[in-house]
Amino acid sequence: MHATGREVTVMSQSVFHLLGRTLHAAQRDRIGAVRDVLTDADNGVPEWLLVDVTSVRGLRAVPLAGVRNKDGSLSTTFTANEIQRSPPIADVAPLGLESERRLLRYWDLIRGR
């Protein structure tokens, strides 16, 4: 499910305004532009930012839980390398079950779970 074209809120904070913004990695490296917000199909809660990663020429899903919006700068706790090595996303269509499982396995490994 997507948030494109409509406002989605989580705990009274909108994530709609993140579309088109530039995401920076933990070391302040520029990652790319936020293209979409992917939500949980069951409850509509935003879970991923779909980012057009400049250095690898493709879309990557970055966990929204690691994203911070401070002083007008959008950043994540993840490194550029971690994001670049994450599973690519074919397009902005809703994630299939296998794609979501692959993403969860990858990001859980990065987080040390």
Protein backbone atom coordinates (compact mmCIF):
# COMPACT_ATOMS: atom_id res chain seq x y z
CA MET A 1 0.00 0.00 0.00
CA HIS A 2 1.25 3.51 -0.72
CA ALA A 3 0.92 6.94 0.81
CA THR A 4 1.52 8.78 -2.45
CA GLY A 5 -1.08 11.47 -3.08
CA ARG A 6 -2.62 11.40 0.36
CA GLU A 7 -1.57 12.19 3.87
CA VAL A 8 -0.68 9.38 6.24
CA THR A 9 -0.15 10.03 9.92
CA VAL A 10 1.58 8.02 12.61
CA MET A 11 1.15 9.11 16.21
CA SER A 12 0.00 12.53 14.96
CA GLN A 13 3.11 13.04 12.82
CA SER A 14 2.61 13.13 9.07
CA VAL A 15 5.01 11.24 6.82
CA PHE A 16 3.49 12.61 3.61
CA HIS A 17 5.85 15.61 3.73
CA LEU A 18 8.86 13.28 3.36
CA LEU A 19 8.11 12.58 -0.31
CA GLY A 20 10.73 14.18 -2.56
CA ARG A 21 13.05 14.96 0.35
CA THR A 22 16.70 13.88 0.31
CA LEU A 23 17.69 11.16 2.77
CA HIS A 24 21.17 11.22 4.33
CA ALA A 25 22.98 8.26 5.89
CA ALA A 26 24.37 8.09 9.42
CA GLN A 27 27.64 9.69 8.26
CA ARG A 28 25.72 12.48 6.47
CA ASP A 29 26.33 10.91 3.03
CA ARG A 30 23.60 11.76 0.53
CA ILE A 31 21.57 8.63 -0.22
CA GLY A 32 18.83 9.85 -2.55
CA ALA A 33 15.29 11.15 -2.82
CA VAL A 34 12.30 9.63 -1.04
CA ARG A 35 9.92 8.39 -3.77
CA ASP A 36 7.21 6.74 -1.70
CA VAL A 37 6.14 5.60 1.75
CA LEU A 38 5.22 1.93 2.00
CA THR A 39 2.68 0.95 4.62
CA ASP A 40 1.67 -2.28 6.29
CA ALA A 41 -1.10 -3.86 4.21
CA ASP A 42 -3.00 -4.98 7.31
CA ASN A 43 -3.07 -1.81 9.40
CA GLY A 44 -1.90 1.01 7.09
CA VAL A 45 0.98 2.02 9.37
CA PRO A 46 3.97 3.44 7.44
CA GLU A 47 6.97 1.10 7.70
CA TRP A 48 9.39 1.86 4.86
CA LEU A 49 10.70 4.82 2.89
CA LEU A 50 11.23 3.93 -0.74
CA VAL A 51 14.40 5.81 -1.71
CA ASP A 52 15.90 6.32 -5.18
CA VAL A 53 19.52 5.58 -4.25
CA THR A 54 21.78 7.66 -6.45
CA SER A 55 24.98 5.60 -6.07
CA VAL A 56 23.43 2.26 -7.12
CA ARG A 57 20.79 3.56 -9.51
CA GLY A 58 17.81 1.89 -7.98
CA LEU A 59 15.10 1.89 -5.37
CA ARG A 60 15.75 0.66 -1.84
CA ALA A 61 13.34 0.32 1.09
CA VAL A 62 14.73 1.93 4.26
CA PRO A 63 13.02 1.18 7.59
CA LEU A 64 11.09 4.25 8.70
CA ALA A 65 11.97 3.39 12.31
CA GLY A 66 15.57 4.46 11.67
CA VAL A 67 14.69 7.81 10.05
CA ARG A 68 14.94 11.17 11.80
CA ASN A 69 13.73 14.58 10.65
CA LYS A 70 15.75 17.16 12.55
CA ASP A 71 16.26 20.82 11.70
CA GLY A 72 14.93 20.26 8.19
CA SER A 73 17.41 17.46 7.48
CA LEU A 74 16.19 13.92 6.85
CA SER A 75 18.64 11.28 8.06
CA THR A 76 18.79 7.62 9.01
CA THR A 77 20.77 5.67 11.57
CA PHE A 78 21.90 3.29 8.83
CA THR A 79 25.12 3.70 6.85
CA ALA A 80 25.27 4.38 3.12
CA ASN A 81 26.85 0.96 2.60
CA GLU A 82 24.04 -0.81 4.48
CA ILE A 83 21.43 0.93 2.35
CA GLN A 84 23.28 0.33 -0.92
CA ARG A 85 23.63 -3.41 -0.15
CA SER A 86 19.96 -3.81 0.81
CA PRO A 87 17.66 -5.79 -1.51
CA PRO A 88 16.58 -3.73 -4.53
CA ILE A 89 12.92 -2.92 -5.06
CA ALA A 90 11.68 -3.44 -8.62
CA ASP A 91 9.19 -0.56 -8.67
CA VAL A 92 6.73 1.30 -6.47
CA ALA A 93 4.06 -1.40 -6.61
CA PRO A 94 3.01 -2.84 -3.26
CA LEU A 95 5.60 -5.23 -1.85
CA GLY A 96 4.90 -8.88 -2.38
CA LEU A 97 5.18 -11.24 0.58
CA GLU A 98 8.55 -12.64 -0.53
CA SER A 99 9.99 -9.16 -1.12
CA GLU A 100 8.87 -8.07 2.32
CA ARG A 101 10.38 -11.18 3.93
CA ARG A 102 13.69 -10.55 2.13
CA LEU A 103 13.74 -6.96 3.40
CA LEU A 104 12.90 -7.99 6.96
CA ARG A 105 15.65 -10.64 6.97
CA TYR A 106 18.22 -8.16 5.66
CA TRP A 107 17.39 -5.31 8.05
CA ASP A 108 17.06 -7.64 11.06
CA LEU A 109 20.57 -8.94 10.28
CA ILE A 110 21.92 -5.36 10.07
CA ARG A 111 20.28 -4.52 13.40
CA GLY A 112 21.90 -7.57 15.01
CA ARG A 113 18.73 -9.51 15.68
